[in-house]
Amino acid sequence: MEPVTAAELGATWRPGCPVAPEQLRRVLVDYTGFDGGTHRGALVVHEELVADVIAIFTELQRQGFPIATMRTPEHYPGAADELSMEDNNTSAFNCRPLPGSDRWSLHAYGRAIDVNPLFNPYVDRAGHVEPTTAAAYLNRARADPGILHPGDPAVRAFTDRGWTWGGGWRNPIDYQHFERR
C-alpha cells in the first residue's frame, strides 16, 4: 500500500473531485490471469478500504478466479473508462460521474471496483451497454471463466465483507461493479 499524488493519478483526478489524493492508496495485489499464471496489478482505493481490498483479492487468487488485467485507469488515454472496460481491465478509482448523471460515482471516492468489465457489463433500462463491445456477455447463462453470477464464490469474496454487488440491482444492472460506502 502506498500513498498517491495528484500527478501520479493523472487524468483520473482533478480539482473538484470528492476526495483528495491524500485519502487514496495504491494497492498492489497478486491475481490469477487467464493464462493461469500469477500477475501483479494495482488498484487505487480509499485508504479505509485497503485491508478489505487485500483480503478480497487474496481470496480471489486462492479461488483461482481469473482476472484479465488490472491497471490503474491513467494508463488509458484521458483515463477513458470505456477504453479500460473494453480492455476487460479490473479497476477502482476514477473521478467520474455515474453514467448519464451529474452525481459522483463511488469510483470517484475510491469506494468501488469493477471486475472484468467486458465479461460483466453495465446495462441500463434502455438497454445501453457499457462497454459498448460487451453485448455478447449480456447472456448471463454463459459460464465462461471470469464471469460473475449470483452466489458465486468470487461475488461472495466481496459481499461477505459488506460490499454491494451491482449484479443484483434492477436498474441499472452493473455486473462488474462492487462498492462499499
N, C-alpha and C. Protein backbone atom coordinates (compact mmCIF):
# COMPACT_ATOMS: atom_id res chain seq x y z
N MET A 1 0.85 -1.17 0.00
CA MET A 1 0.00 0.00 0.00
C MET A 1 0.89 1.23 0.00
N GLU A 2 0.58 2.16 -0.88
CA GLU A 2 1.35 3.39 -0.95
C GLU A 2 0.46 4.58 -1.21
N PRO A 3 0.80 5.74 -0.66
CA PRO A 3 0.04 6.95 -0.96
C PRO A 3 0.22 7.32 -2.43
N VAL A 4 -0.69 8.12 -2.93
CA VAL A 4 -0.60 8.59 -4.32
C VAL A 4 -0.66 10.11 -4.33
N THR A 5 -0.13 10.68 -5.40
CA THR A 5 -0.19 12.13 -5.58
C THR A 5 -1.10 12.44 -6.75
N ALA A 6 -1.50 13.69 -6.85
CA ALA A 6 -2.33 14.12 -7.99
C ALA A 6 -1.60 13.84 -9.30
N ALA A 7 -0.30 14.08 -9.33
CA ALA A 7 0.47 13.84 -10.55
C ALA A 7 0.44 12.36 -10.94
N GLU A 8 0.55 11.46 -9.96
CA GLU A 8 0.51 10.02 -10.24
C GLU A 8 -0.86 9.57 -10.72
N LEU A 9 -1.92 10.23 -10.26
CA LEU A 9 -3.28 9.86 -10.67
C LEU A 9 -3.60 10.33 -12.08
N GLY A 10 -2.83 11.27 -12.59
CA GLY A 10 -3.04 11.74 -13.96
C GLY A 10 -4.46 12.21 -14.18
N ALA A 11 -5.03 11.82 -15.32
CA ALA A 11 -6.36 12.27 -15.71
C ALA A 11 -7.48 11.66 -14.88
N THR A 12 -7.16 10.72 -13.98
CA THR A 12 -8.22 10.14 -13.16
C THR A 12 -8.62 11.06 -12.02
N TRP A 13 -7.82 12.09 -11.73
CA TRP A 13 -8.14 13.03 -10.65
C TRP A 13 -7.95 14.45 -11.15
N ARG A 14 -8.79 15.36 -10.65
CA ARG A 14 -8.69 16.78 -10.97
C ARG A 14 -9.27 17.57 -9.80
N PRO A 15 -8.92 18.84 -9.67
CA PRO A 15 -9.54 19.65 -8.62
C PRO A 15 -11.06 19.59 -8.74
N GLY A 16 -11.72 19.49 -7.61
CA GLY A 16 -13.18 19.37 -7.59
C GLY A 16 -13.66 17.95 -7.37
N CYS A 17 -12.74 16.96 -7.47
CA CYS A 17 -13.12 15.58 -7.18
C CYS A 17 -13.49 15.48 -5.70
N PRO A 18 -14.36 14.54 -5.34
CA PRO A 18 -14.85 14.49 -3.96
C PRO A 18 -13.86 13.99 -2.93
N VAL A 19 -12.73 13.42 -3.33
CA VAL A 19 -11.69 13.03 -2.38
C VAL A 19 -10.35 13.58 -2.85
N ALA A 20 -9.51 13.89 -1.89
CA ALA A 20 -8.17 14.36 -2.19
C ALA A 20 -7.25 13.15 -2.41
N PRO A 21 -6.20 13.32 -3.19
CA PRO A 21 -5.25 12.22 -3.38
C PRO A 21 -4.72 11.66 -2.06
N GLU A 22 -4.61 12.49 -1.04
CA GLU A 22 -4.10 12.05 0.26
C GLU A 22 -5.00 11.00 0.91
N GLN A 23 -6.26 10.89 0.47
CA GLN A 23 -7.19 9.91 1.03
C GLN A 23 -7.16 8.59 0.26
N LEU A 24 -6.37 8.52 -0.80
CA LEU A 24 -6.32 7.35 -1.66
C LEU A 24 -5.00 6.61 -1.48
N ARG A 25 -5.05 5.31 -1.76
CA ARG A 25 -3.85 4.48 -1.68
C ARG A 25 -3.78 3.57 -2.91
N ARG A 26 -2.57 3.40 -3.42
CA ARG A 26 -2.31 2.43 -4.48
C ARG A 26 -2.02 1.10 -3.79
N VAL A 27 -2.80 0.09 -4.12
CA VAL A 27 -2.66 -1.23 -3.52
C VAL A 27 -2.19 -2.19 -4.61
N LEU A 28 -1.10 -2.86 -4.35
CA LEU A 28 -0.58 -3.87 -5.28
C LEU A 28 -1.05 -5.23 -4.80
N VAL A 29 -1.70 -5.98 -5.70
CA VAL A 29 -2.22 -7.30 -5.34
C VAL A 29 -1.84 -8.30 -6.43
N ASP A 30 -1.68 -9.54 -6.01
CA ASP A 30 -1.48 -10.62 -6.97
C ASP A 30 -2.84 -11.13 -7.41
N TYR A 31 -2.91 -11.57 -8.66
CA TYR A 31 -4.15 -12.15 -9.17
C TYR A 31 -3.81 -13.24 -10.18
N THR A 32 -4.77 -14.13 -10.39
CA THR A 32 -4.63 -15.19 -11.37
C THR A 32 -5.11 -14.67 -12.72
N GLY A 33 -4.25 -14.77 -13.73
CA GLY A 33 -4.63 -14.34 -15.08
C GLY A 33 -5.33 -15.45 -15.82
N PHE A 34 -5.83 -15.14 -17.01
CA PHE A 34 -6.48 -16.15 -17.83
C PHE A 34 -5.50 -17.18 -18.36
N ASP A 35 -4.20 -16.90 -18.24
CA ASP A 35 -3.18 -17.86 -18.61
C ASP A 35 -2.85 -18.82 -17.47
N GLY A 36 -3.53 -18.65 -16.31
CA GLY A 36 -3.29 -19.49 -15.14
C GLY A 36 -2.12 -19.03 -14.30
N GLY A 37 -1.37 -18.05 -14.78
CA GLY A 37 -0.22 -17.55 -14.05
C GLY A 37 -0.59 -16.48 -13.03
N THR A 38 0.34 -16.22 -12.14
CA THR A 38 0.16 -15.16 -11.15
C THR A 38 0.71 -13.86 -11.72
N HIS A 39 -0.08 -12.82 -11.58
CA HIS A 39 0.29 -11.49 -12.07
C HIS A 39 0.12 -10.50 -10.92
N ARG A 40 0.76 -9.36 -11.04
CA ARG A 40 0.63 -8.31 -10.03
C ARG A 40 -0.05 -7.12 -10.69
N GLY A 41 -1.09 -6.63 -10.01
CA GLY A 41 -1.83 -5.49 -10.51
C GLY A 41 -1.95 -4.41 -9.45
N ALA A 42 -2.44 -3.26 -9.88
CA ALA A 42 -2.59 -2.12 -8.97
C ALA A 42 -4.02 -1.60 -9.03
N LEU A 43 -4.54 -1.26 -7.86
CA LEU A 43 -5.83 -0.60 -7.72
C LEU A 43 -5.63 0.61 -6.84
N VAL A 44 -6.31 1.71 -7.14
CA VAL A 44 -6.30 2.87 -6.25
C VAL A 44 -7.65 2.89 -5.56
N VAL A 45 -7.61 2.87 -4.22
CA VAL A 45 -8.84 2.82 -3.42
C VAL A 45 -8.74 3.79 -2.26
N HIS A 46 -9.88 4.04 -1.63
CA HIS A 46 -9.91 4.89 -0.44
C HIS A 46 -9.09 4.21 0.65
N GLU A 47 -8.37 5.00 1.42
CA GLU A 47 -7.49 4.47 2.47
C GLU A 47 -8.22 3.57 3.46
N GLU A 48 -9.51 3.80 3.70
CA GLU A 48 -10.27 2.99 4.65
C GLU A 48 -10.54 1.57 4.14
N LEU A 49 -10.36 1.33 2.85
CA LEU A 49 -10.72 0.03 2.26
C LEU A 49 -9.52 -0.85 1.93
N VAL A 50 -8.33 -0.39 2.24
CA VAL A 50 -7.12 -1.13 1.85
C VAL A 50 -7.14 -2.56 2.37
N ALA A 51 -7.40 -2.76 3.65
CA ALA A 51 -7.37 -4.12 4.21
C ALA A 51 -8.40 -5.02 3.53
N ASP A 52 -9.60 -4.48 3.29
CA ASP A 52 -10.64 -5.24 2.57
C ASP A 52 -10.16 -5.66 1.19
N VAL A 53 -9.60 -4.72 0.46
CA VAL A 53 -9.18 -5.00 -0.92
C VAL A 53 -8.10 -6.07 -0.94
N ILE A 54 -7.15 -5.98 -0.04
CA ILE A 54 -6.10 -7.01 0.02
C ILE A 54 -6.72 -8.37 0.34
N ALA A 55 -7.62 -8.43 1.30
CA ALA A 55 -8.26 -9.70 1.68
C ALA A 55 -9.10 -10.26 0.52
N ILE A 56 -9.85 -9.41 -0.15
CA ILE A 56 -10.71 -9.85 -1.26
C ILE A 56 -9.87 -10.44 -2.39
N PHE A 57 -8.83 -9.73 -2.80
CA PHE A 57 -8.05 -10.21 -3.93
C PHE A 57 -7.16 -11.40 -3.55
N THR A 58 -6.80 -11.52 -2.29
CA THR A 58 -6.12 -12.74 -1.82
C THR A 58 -7.08 -13.92 -1.96
N GLU A 59 -8.34 -13.71 -1.57
CA GLU A 59 -9.35 -14.77 -1.68
C GLU A 59 -9.62 -15.12 -3.14
N LEU A 60 -9.76 -14.11 -4.01
CA LEU A 60 -9.99 -14.39 -5.44
C LEU A 60 -8.85 -15.20 -6.03
N GLN A 61 -7.63 -14.87 -5.65
CA GLN A 61 -6.49 -15.64 -6.16
C GLN A 61 -6.52 -17.06 -5.61
N ARG A 62 -6.85 -17.21 -4.33
CA ARG A 62 -6.95 -18.55 -3.74
C ARG A 62 -7.97 -19.39 -4.49
N GLN A 63 -9.08 -18.75 -4.91
CA GLN A 63 -10.13 -19.45 -5.66
C GLN A 63 -9.70 -19.78 -7.09
N GLY A 64 -8.68 -19.11 -7.58
CA GLY A 64 -8.29 -19.26 -8.98
C GLY A 64 -9.20 -18.48 -9.92
N PHE A 65 -9.95 -17.50 -9.36
CA PHE A 65 -10.83 -16.68 -10.20
C PHE A 65 -9.95 -15.84 -11.13
N PRO A 66 -10.14 -15.98 -12.47
CA PRO A 66 -9.26 -15.27 -13.39
C PRO A 66 -9.66 -13.80 -13.60
N ILE A 67 -8.64 -12.98 -13.68
CA ILE A 67 -8.80 -11.56 -13.97
C ILE A 67 -7.98 -11.27 -15.22
N ALA A 68 -8.60 -10.57 -16.17
CA ALA A 68 -7.93 -10.32 -17.45
C ALA A 68 -6.73 -9.41 -17.30
N THR A 69 -6.92 -8.27 -16.69
CA THR A 69 -5.84 -7.32 -16.47
C THR A 69 -6.24 -6.40 -15.32
N MET A 70 -5.24 -5.79 -14.70
CA MET A 70 -5.52 -4.89 -13.58
C MET A 70 -4.48 -3.76 -13.62
N ARG A 71 -4.91 -2.65 -14.23
CA ARG A 71 -4.07 -1.46 -14.31
C ARG A 71 -4.89 -0.26 -13.90
N THR A 72 -4.25 0.73 -13.36
CA THR A 72 -4.98 1.94 -12.99
C THR A 72 -5.36 2.69 -14.27
N PRO A 73 -6.52 3.36 -14.27
CA PRO A 73 -7.08 3.94 -15.50
C PRO A 73 -6.22 5.00 -16.17
N GLU A 74 -5.26 5.61 -15.47
CA GLU A 74 -4.45 6.63 -16.14
C GLU A 74 -3.59 6.03 -17.25
N HIS A 75 -3.52 4.70 -17.35
CA HIS A 75 -2.80 4.05 -18.44
C HIS A 75 -3.55 4.14 -19.77
N TYR A 76 -4.81 4.55 -19.74
CA TYR A 76 -5.62 4.68 -20.95
C TYR A 76 -5.71 6.16 -21.32
N PRO A 77 -5.67 6.49 -22.60
CA PRO A 77 -5.72 7.91 -22.99
C PRO A 77 -6.89 8.64 -22.33
N GLY A 78 -6.58 9.72 -21.62
CA GLY A 78 -7.60 10.51 -20.94
C GLY A 78 -8.28 9.77 -19.80
N ALA A 79 -7.70 8.66 -19.35
CA ALA A 79 -8.31 7.80 -18.32
C ALA A 79 -9.71 7.38 -18.73
N ALA A 80 -9.89 7.15 -20.02
CA ALA A 80 -11.21 6.84 -20.58
C ALA A 80 -11.75 5.52 -20.02
N ASP A 81 -12.87 5.62 -19.33
CA ASP A 81 -13.49 4.45 -18.72
C ASP A 81 -13.86 3.42 -19.78
N GLU A 82 -14.39 3.86 -20.92
CA GLU A 82 -14.78 2.94 -21.97
C GLU A 82 -13.58 2.12 -22.46
N LEU A 83 -12.45 2.75 -22.66
CA LEU A 83 -11.26 2.03 -23.12
C LEU A 83 -10.79 1.01 -22.08
N SER A 84 -10.82 1.40 -20.82
CA SER A 84 -10.45 0.48 -19.74
C SER A 84 -11.40 -0.72 -19.72
N MET A 85 -12.70 -0.47 -19.84
CA MET A 85 -13.67 -1.56 -19.83
C MET A 85 -13.52 -2.47 -21.04
N GLU A 86 -13.32 -1.89 -22.23
CA GLU A 86 -13.14 -2.71 -23.44
C GLU A 86 -11.93 -3.62 -23.31
N ASP A 87 -10.93 -3.18 -22.55
CA ASP A 87 -9.72 -3.96 -22.32
C ASP A 87 -9.94 -5.01 -21.22
N ASN A 88 -11.15 -5.08 -20.69
CA ASN A 88 -11.51 -6.03 -19.62
C ASN A 88 -10.65 -5.78 -18.38
N ASN A 89 -10.36 -4.51 -18.13
CA ASN A 89 -9.46 -4.09 -17.06
C ASN A 89 -10.20 -3.93 -15.74
N THR A 90 -9.77 -4.67 -14.74
CA THR A 90 -10.29 -4.53 -13.38
C THR A 90 -9.66 -3.27 -12.79
N SER A 91 -10.52 -2.35 -12.31
CA SER A 91 -10.01 -1.08 -11.81
C SER A 91 -10.91 -0.54 -10.70
N ALA A 92 -10.45 0.54 -10.08
CA ALA A 92 -11.20 1.10 -8.95
C ALA A 92 -11.37 2.61 -9.12
N PHE A 93 -10.49 3.42 -8.52
CA PHE A 93 -10.67 4.88 -8.53
C PHE A 93 -10.65 5.46 -9.93
N ASN A 94 -11.63 6.31 -10.20
CA ASN A 94 -11.65 7.18 -11.38
C ASN A 94 -12.66 8.27 -11.05
N CYS A 95 -12.23 9.50 -10.99
CA CYS A 95 -13.11 10.61 -10.63
C CYS A 95 -14.04 10.90 -11.81
N ARG A 96 -15.20 10.27 -11.77
CA ARG A 96 -16.18 10.41 -12.86
C ARG A 96 -17.58 10.32 -12.29
N PRO A 97 -18.54 10.87 -13.03
CA PRO A 97 -19.93 10.77 -12.57
C PRO A 97 -20.53 9.41 -12.89
N LEU A 98 -21.69 9.16 -12.30
CA LEU A 98 -22.47 7.99 -12.68
C LEU A 98 -22.86 8.12 -14.13
N PRO A 99 -22.95 7.03 -14.89
CA PRO A 99 -23.36 7.13 -16.29
C PRO A 99 -24.70 7.87 -16.42
N GLY A 100 -24.74 8.86 -17.30
CA GLY A 100 -25.97 9.61 -17.56
C GLY A 100 -26.39 10.52 -16.42
N SER A 101 -25.46 10.91 -15.55
CA SER A 101 -25.81 11.68 -14.36
C SER A 101 -24.74 12.75 -14.11
N ASP A 102 -25.08 13.68 -13.23
CA ASP A 102 -24.07 14.64 -12.79
C ASP A 102 -23.63 14.33 -11.35
N ARG A 103 -24.11 13.22 -10.78
CA ARG A 103 -23.71 12.79 -9.44
C ARG A 103 -22.45 11.94 -9.53
N TRP A 104 -21.61 12.05 -8.50
CA TRP A 104 -20.37 11.29 -8.49
C TRP A 104 -20.64 9.79 -8.34
N SER A 105 -19.92 9.01 -9.12
CA SER A 105 -19.88 7.56 -8.93
C SER A 105 -19.09 7.26 -7.66
N LEU A 106 -19.32 6.12 -7.05
CA LEU A 106 -18.49 5.73 -5.91
C LEU A 106 -17.04 5.47 -6.33
N HIS A 107 -16.79 5.31 -7.62
CA HIS A 107 -15.41 5.23 -8.11
C HIS A 107 -14.68 6.54 -7.82
N ALA A 108 -15.40 7.65 -7.85
CA ALA A 108 -14.80 8.96 -7.60
C ALA A 108 -14.38 9.13 -6.15
N TYR A 109 -14.86 8.26 -5.28
CA TYR A 109 -14.48 8.27 -3.86
C TYR A 109 -13.47 7.16 -3.54
N GLY A 110 -13.12 6.35 -4.54
CA GLY A 110 -12.24 5.21 -4.29
C GLY A 110 -12.94 4.09 -3.56
N ARG A 111 -14.28 4.02 -3.68
CA ARG A 111 -15.08 3.05 -2.93
C ARG A 111 -15.82 2.07 -3.85
N ALA A 112 -15.30 1.88 -5.05
CA ALA A 112 -15.92 0.92 -5.98
C ALA A 112 -14.82 0.25 -6.81
N ILE A 113 -15.07 -0.99 -7.16
CA ILE A 113 -14.16 -1.77 -8.00
C ILE A 113 -14.98 -2.44 -9.09
N ASP A 114 -14.51 -2.36 -10.32
CA ASP A 114 -15.13 -3.06 -11.44
C ASP A 114 -14.24 -4.25 -11.80
N VAL A 115 -14.83 -5.44 -11.87
CA VAL A 115 -14.10 -6.68 -12.11
C VAL A 115 -14.45 -7.22 -13.50
N ASN A 116 -13.42 -7.46 -14.31
CA ASN A 116 -13.60 -8.00 -15.66
C ASN A 116 -14.79 -7.34 -16.36
N PRO A 117 -14.76 -6.03 -16.58
CA PRO A 117 -15.94 -5.31 -17.07
C PRO A 117 -16.44 -5.70 -18.45
N LEU A 118 -15.58 -6.21 -19.31
CA LEU A 118 -16.07 -6.66 -20.62
C LEU A 118 -16.98 -7.87 -20.45
N PHE A 119 -16.57 -8.81 -19.58
CA PHE A 119 -17.35 -10.02 -19.35
C PHE A 119 -18.54 -9.79 -18.43
N ASN A 120 -18.53 -8.67 -17.71
CA ASN A 120 -19.56 -8.37 -16.71
C ASN A 120 -20.07 -6.96 -16.94
N PRO A 121 -20.84 -6.74 -18.01
CA PRO A 121 -21.20 -5.38 -18.43
C PRO A 121 -22.21 -4.68 -17.53
N TYR A 122 -22.28 -3.38 -17.75
CA TYR A 122 -23.29 -2.49 -17.18
C TYR A 122 -24.40 -2.38 -18.23
N VAL A 123 -25.65 -2.45 -17.80
CA VAL A 123 -26.76 -2.27 -18.73
C VAL A 123 -27.88 -1.51 -18.02
N ASP A 124 -28.39 -0.47 -18.69
CA ASP A 124 -29.47 0.30 -18.07
C ASP A 124 -30.83 -0.11 -18.65
N ARG A 125 -31.87 0.48 -18.12
CA ARG A 125 -33.25 0.14 -18.51
C ARG A 125 -33.49 0.28 -20.01
N ALA A 126 -32.81 1.24 -20.63
CA ALA A 126 -32.98 1.47 -22.07
C ALA A 126 -32.15 0.50 -22.91
N GLY A 127 -31.35 -0.33 -22.26
CA GLY A 127 -30.55 -1.30 -22.98
C GLY A 127 -29.16 -0.80 -23.35
N HIS A 128 -28.79 0.39 -22.88
CA HIS A 128 -27.44 0.91 -23.12
C HIS A 128 -26.44 0.03 -22.39
N VAL A 129 -25.42 -0.44 -23.10
CA VAL A 129 -24.44 -1.37 -22.56
C VAL A 129 -23.07 -0.70 -22.49
N GLU A 130 -22.39 -0.89 -21.36
CA GLU A 130 -21.01 -0.45 -21.23
C GLU A 130 -20.19 -1.62 -20.72
N PRO A 131 -19.07 -1.91 -21.38
CA PRO A 131 -18.57 -1.27 -22.57
C PRO A 131 -19.44 -1.62 -23.78
N THR A 132 -19.33 -0.81 -24.80
CA THR A 132 -20.19 -1.00 -25.97
C THR A 132 -19.90 -2.31 -26.69
N THR A 133 -18.74 -2.90 -26.44
CA THR A 133 -18.34 -4.15 -27.09
C THR A 133 -18.79 -5.40 -26.33
N ALA A 134 -19.61 -5.23 -25.29
CA ALA A 134 -19.93 -6.34 -24.39
C ALA A 134 -21.27 -7.02 -24.63
N ALA A 135 -21.94 -6.74 -25.73
CA ALA A 135 -23.29 -7.27 -25.95
C ALA A 135 -23.35 -8.80 -25.81
N ALA A 136 -22.32 -9.50 -26.26
CA ALA A 136 -22.33 -10.97 -26.20
C ALA A 136 -22.38 -11.47 -24.75
N TYR A 137 -21.96 -10.63 -23.81
CA TYR A 137 -21.90 -11.06 -22.41
C TYR A 137 -23.15 -10.68 -21.62
N LEU A 138 -24.17 -10.17 -22.31
CA LEU A 138 -25.45 -9.92 -21.64
C LEU A 138 -26.16 -11.23 -21.35
N ASN A 139 -25.80 -12.29 -22.07
CA ASN A 139 -26.33 -13.63 -21.82
C ASN A 139 -25.67 -14.14 -20.54
N ARG A 140 -26.34 -14.00 -19.43
CA ARG A 140 -25.76 -14.35 -18.14
C ARG A 140 -25.80 -15.85 -17.86
N ALA A 141 -26.32 -16.64 -18.81
CA ALA A 141 -26.24 -18.09 -18.67
C ALA A 141 -24.84 -18.58 -19.06
N ARG A 142 -24.05 -17.70 -19.67
CA ARG A 142 -22.68 -18.08 -20.03
C ARG A 142 -21.92 -18.47 -18.76
N ALA A 143 -21.08 -19.45 -18.90
CA ALA A 143 -20.30 -19.91 -17.76
C ALA A 143 -18.80 -19.73 -17.99
N ASP A 144 -18.43 -18.82 -18.90
CA ASP A 144 -17.02 -18.57 -19.18
C ASP A 144 -16.28 -18.19 -17.89
N PRO A 145 -15.03 -18.57 -17.77
CA PRO A 145 -14.24 -18.12 -16.62
C PRO A 145 -14.22 -16.58 -16.56
N GLY A 146 -14.29 -16.05 -15.35
CA GLY A 146 -14.24 -14.59 -15.17
C GLY A 146 -15.57 -13.90 -15.18
N ILE A 147 -16.65 -14.65 -15.51
CA ILE A 147 -18.00 -14.07 -15.47
C ILE A 147 -18.54 -14.25 -14.05
N LEU A 148 -19.18 -13.21 -13.55
CA LEU A 148 -19.74 -13.22 -12.20
C LEU A 148 -21.22 -13.57 -12.23
N HIS A 149 -21.64 -14.43 -11.30
CA HIS A 149 -23.04 -14.84 -11.15
C HIS A 149 -23.45 -14.73 -9.69
N PRO A 150 -24.75 -14.57 -9.44
CA PRO A 150 -25.21 -14.51 -8.04
C PRO A 150 -24.75 -15.74 -7.25
N GLY A 151 -24.24 -15.49 -6.06
CA GLY A 151 -23.83 -16.58 -5.18
C GLY A 151 -22.48 -17.19 -5.47
N ASP A 152 -21.83 -16.78 -6.57
CA ASP A 152 -20.50 -17.31 -6.88
C ASP A 152 -19.53 -17.01 -5.73
N PRO A 153 -18.56 -17.88 -5.53
CA PRO A 153 -17.54 -17.59 -4.52
C PRO A 153 -16.85 -16.25 -4.76
N ALA A 154 -16.65 -15.88 -6.01
CA ALA A 154 -15.99 -14.60 -6.31
C ALA A 154 -16.87 -13.43 -5.86
N VAL A 155 -18.17 -13.52 -6.08
CA VAL A 155 -19.09 -12.47 -5.61
C VAL A 155 -19.09 -12.44 -4.09
N ARG A 156 -19.12 -13.61 -3.47
CA ARG A 156 -19.14 -13.68 -2.01
C ARG A 156 -17.85 -13.16 -1.37
N ALA A 157 -16.72 -13.22 -2.11
CA ALA A 157 -15.48 -12.66 -1.58
C ALA A 157 -15.66 -11.18 -1.25
N PHE A 158 -16.50 -10.51 -2.01
CA PHE A 158 -16.83 -9.10 -1.74
C PHE A 158 -17.99 -8.97 -0.75
N THR A 159 -19.11 -9.62 -1.07
CA THR A 159 -20.33 -9.39 -0.29
C THR A 159 -20.21 -9.88 1.14
N ASP A 160 -19.44 -10.93 1.39
CA ASP A 160 -19.23 -11.41 2.76
C ASP A 160 -18.47 -10.38 3.61
N ARG A 161 -17.85 -9.41 2.95
CA ARG A 161 -17.13 -8.34 3.65
C ARG A 161 -17.91 -7.03 3.64
N GLY A 162 -19.20 -7.10 3.30
CA GLY A 162 -20.05 -5.92 3.36
C GLY A 162 -20.12 -5.08 2.10
N TRP A 163 -19.55 -5.57 1.00
CA TRP A 163 -19.63 -4.85 -0.27
C TRP A 163 -20.95 -5.19 -0.94
N THR A 164 -21.44 -4.28 -1.76
CA THR A 164 -22.66 -4.48 -2.54
C THR A 164 -22.26 -4.80 -3.98
N TRP A 165 -22.95 -5.77 -4.57
CA TRP A 165 -22.70 -6.14 -5.97
C TRP A 165 -23.78 -5.56 -6.86
N GLY A 166 -23.38 -4.84 -7.91
CA GLY A 166 -24.31 -4.24 -8.86
C GLY A 166 -25.04 -5.25 -9.73
N GLY A 167 -24.60 -6.50 -9.73
CA GLY A 167 -25.29 -7.55 -10.49
C GLY A 167 -26.63 -7.91 -9.89
N GLY A 168 -26.89 -7.49 -8.66
CA GLY A 168 -28.17 -7.75 -8.02
C GLY A 168 -29.13 -6.57 -8.10
N TRP A 169 -28.71 -5.50 -8.77
CA TRP A 169 -29.58 -4.33 -8.91
C TRP A 169 -30.60 -4.54 -10.02
N ARG A 170 -31.66 -3.74 -10.00
CA ARG A 170 -32.70 -3.84 -11.03
C ARG A 170 -32.48 -2.83 -12.16
N ASN A 171 -32.09 -1.62 -11.87
CA ASN A 171 -31.83 -0.63 -12.91
C ASN A 171 -30.92 0.46 -12.36
N PRO A 172 -29.73 0.57 -12.87
CA PRO A 172 -29.12 -0.30 -13.87
C PRO A 172 -28.70 -1.63 -13.24
N ILE A 173 -28.32 -2.56 -14.09
CA ILE A 173 -27.68 -3.79 -13.64
C ILE A 173 -26.20 -3.61 -14.00
N ASP A 174 -25.35 -3.75 -13.01
CA ASP A 174 -23.94 -3.48 -13.21
C ASP A 174 -23.14 -4.69 -12.72
N TYR A 175 -23.04 -5.68 -13.60
CA TYR A 175 -22.46 -6.96 -13.22
C TYR A 175 -20.98 -6.86 -12.81
N GLN A 176 -20.29 -5.84 -13.28
CA GLN A 176 -18.85 -5.68 -12.98
C GLN A 176 -18.59 -5.00 -11.64
N HIS A 177 -19.58 -4.34 -11.08
CA HIS A 177 -19.41 -3.34 -10.05
C HIS A 177 -19.61 -3.86 -8.62
N PHE A 178 -18.63 -3.55 -7.75
CA PHE A 178 -18.73 -3.78 -6.32
C PHE A 178 -18.45 -2.46 -5.64
N GLU A 179 -19.21 -2.17 -4.57
CA GLU A 179 -18.98 -0.91 -3.86
C GLU A 179 -19.13 -1.10 -2.36
N ARG A 180 -18.44 -0.22 -1.64
CA ARG A 180 -18.57 -0.21 -0.18
C ARG A 180 -18.59 1.24 0.26
N ARG A 181 -19.67 1.63 0.88
CA ARG A 181 -19.82 3.02 1.33
C ARG A 181 -19.08 3.29 2.61
